[in-house]
Amino acid sequence: MKKIFAALLSASFLLTPMAVSQASADDFRRPPVVVQKRVIVERTVVRPHWKKGYRVNASERRRFSNINDYRRYRLAPPPRGYRWVRADRDFLLIGITNGVISNVIVGR
C-alpha cells in the first residue's frame, strides 16, 4: 500500500509541470482579444475678451475692481498714469485718464 501511494505521489509531482505548461501553451494559441474604445476629447478654447489698445468705457470700468496689492498677484508695479484692475479672472493694466488697455494677463 505504501509503495502504491508513493508511486502516485511521485507521478503527481512529475506530471503537474507538464499539465501546467500545456495549459499555458493553450493561452498563447488563442488570438488576442482587442478592445476598441472610442475616446471623444472635447476641447474648449478660451479666447481673451480683452485686447491691447481696446478703450474701456465708463460702464465697463464700474465692473472692475482695482488692484492695490499687485505684488500679491505677482504683477509688476504699474507705471505712472496706469493701474491694475481685475475683470473676472483677467488682470488688465489700463490708463487712468484714457482707459486704454496696455497689458492683459489672462486667468491666473
Protein backbone atom coordinates (compact mmCIF):
# COMPACT_ATOMS: atom_id res chain seq x y z
CA MET A 1 0.00 0.00 0.00
CA LYS A 2 2.83 2.35 0.85
CA LYS A 3 4.51 1.62 -2.47
CA ILE A 4 1.35 2.45 -4.46
CA PHE A 5 0.84 5.67 -2.52
CA ALA A 6 4.50 6.67 -3.05
CA ALA A 7 4.25 5.90 -6.78
CA LEU A 8 1.07 8.02 -7.15
CA LEU A 9 2.63 10.89 -5.22
CA SER A 10 5.80 10.88 -7.32
CA ALA A 11 3.76 10.62 -10.53
CA SER A 12 1.70 13.64 -9.50
CA PHE A 13 4.91 15.63 -8.88
CA LEU A 14 6.21 14.67 -12.30
CA LEU A 15 3.02 15.24 -14.27
CA THR A 16 1.99 18.57 -12.70
CA PRO A 17 4.54 20.74 -14.60
CA MET A 18 3.52 19.11 -17.88
CA ALA A 19 -0.15 19.86 -17.29
CA VAL A 20 0.60 23.46 -16.34
CA SER A 21 2.81 24.02 -19.39
CA GLN A 22 0.12 22.59 -21.65
CA ALA A 23 -2.50 24.97 -20.16
CA SER A 24 -0.24 27.99 -20.57
CA ALA A 25 0.56 26.94 -24.15
CA ASP A 26 -3.16 26.93 -24.90
CA ASP A 27 -3.36 30.58 -23.80
CA PHE A 28 -0.81 31.62 -26.39
CA ARG A 29 -2.60 29.82 -29.20
CA ARG A 30 -5.78 31.85 -28.75
CA PRO A 31 -5.96 35.04 -30.77
CA PRO A 32 -5.54 38.16 -28.64
CA VAL A 33 -8.68 39.99 -27.66
CA VAL A 34 -8.62 43.56 -28.94
CA VAL A 35 -10.79 46.04 -27.09
CA GLN A 36 -11.65 49.07 -29.15
CA LYS A 37 -12.58 52.23 -27.32
CA ARG A 38 -13.93 55.36 -28.80
CA VAL A 39 -12.47 58.33 -26.99
CA ILE A 40 -14.00 61.72 -27.54
CA VAL A 41 -11.94 64.67 -26.38
CA GLU A 42 -13.75 67.96 -26.11
CA ARG A 43 -11.53 70.97 -26.12
CA THR A 44 -12.77 74.36 -25.17
CA VAL A 45 -10.76 77.29 -26.37
CA VAL A 46 -10.97 80.31 -24.15
CA ARG A 47 -10.23 83.44 -26.07
CA PRO A 48 -9.44 86.54 -24.09
CA HIS A 49 -12.14 89.14 -24.31
CA TRP A 50 -9.72 91.97 -23.68
CA LYS A 51 -7.09 93.08 -26.17
CA LYS A 52 -4.28 95.59 -26.12
CA GLY A 53 -5.33 99.00 -27.36
CA TYR A 54 -9.00 98.47 -26.55
CA ARG A 55 -10.58 101.51 -24.94
CA VAL A 56 -12.63 100.64 -21.86
CA ASN A 57 -15.69 102.84 -21.45
CA ALA A 58 -17.02 104.10 -18.13
CA SER A 59 -19.76 101.47 -17.77
CA GLU A 60 -17.22 98.67 -18.17
CA ARG A 61 -14.85 100.30 -15.70
CA ARG A 62 -17.53 100.13 -13.00
CA ARG A 63 -17.43 96.32 -13.15
CA PHE A 64 -13.67 96.21 -12.50
CA SER A 65 -12.06 96.01 -9.11
CA ASN A 66 -8.89 97.96 -8.54
CA ILE A 67 -5.79 96.02 -7.53
CA ASN A 68 -3.80 97.95 -4.94
CA ASP A 69 -1.72 95.00 -3.73
CA TYR A 70 -0.37 93.93 -7.12
CA ARG A 71 2.55 92.04 -5.54
CA ARG A 72 0.09 89.58 -4.04
CA TYR A 73 -0.84 88.53 -7.58
CA ARG A 74 2.81 88.68 -8.73
CA LEU A 75 2.20 91.62 -11.02
CA ALA A 76 4.78 94.24 -11.91
CA PRO A 77 4.28 97.68 -10.41
CA PRO A 78 2.18 99.82 -12.75
CA PRO A 79 3.92 102.74 -14.44
CA ARG A 80 2.84 106.29 -13.67
CA GLY A 81 -0.60 107.01 -15.10
CA TYR A 82 -1.66 103.34 -15.17
CA ARG A 83 -3.35 100.97 -12.73
CA TRP A 84 -4.06 97.25 -12.45
CA VAL A 85 -7.70 96.19 -12.46
CA ARG A 86 -9.31 92.80 -12.29
CA ALA A 87 -12.03 91.82 -14.75
CA ASP A 88 -13.42 88.36 -13.94
CA ARG A 89 -10.22 86.24 -13.91
CA ASP A 90 -8.14 88.57 -16.07
CA PHE A 91 -5.78 91.32 -14.94
CA LEU A 92 -5.69 94.46 -17.06
CA LEU A 93 -3.24 97.32 -16.99
CA ILE A 94 -5.26 100.33 -18.10
CA GLY A 95 -4.52 104.01 -18.40
CA ILE A 96 -6.16 106.12 -15.71
CA THR A 97 -7.09 109.05 -17.92
CA ASN A 98 -8.00 107.47 -21.25
CA GLY A 99 -8.95 103.87 -20.28
CA VAL A 100 -6.80 102.21 -22.94
CA ILE A 101 -5.61 98.68 -22.13
CA SER A 102 -1.85 98.40 -22.37
CA ASN A 103 -1.34 94.88 -20.95
CA VAL A 104 -3.54 91.81 -20.42
CA ILE A 105 -2.75 88.85 -18.16
CA VAL A 106 -5.28 86.12 -18.73
CA GLY A 107 -6.67 83.98 -15.89
CA ARG A 108 -4.08 83.32 -13.21
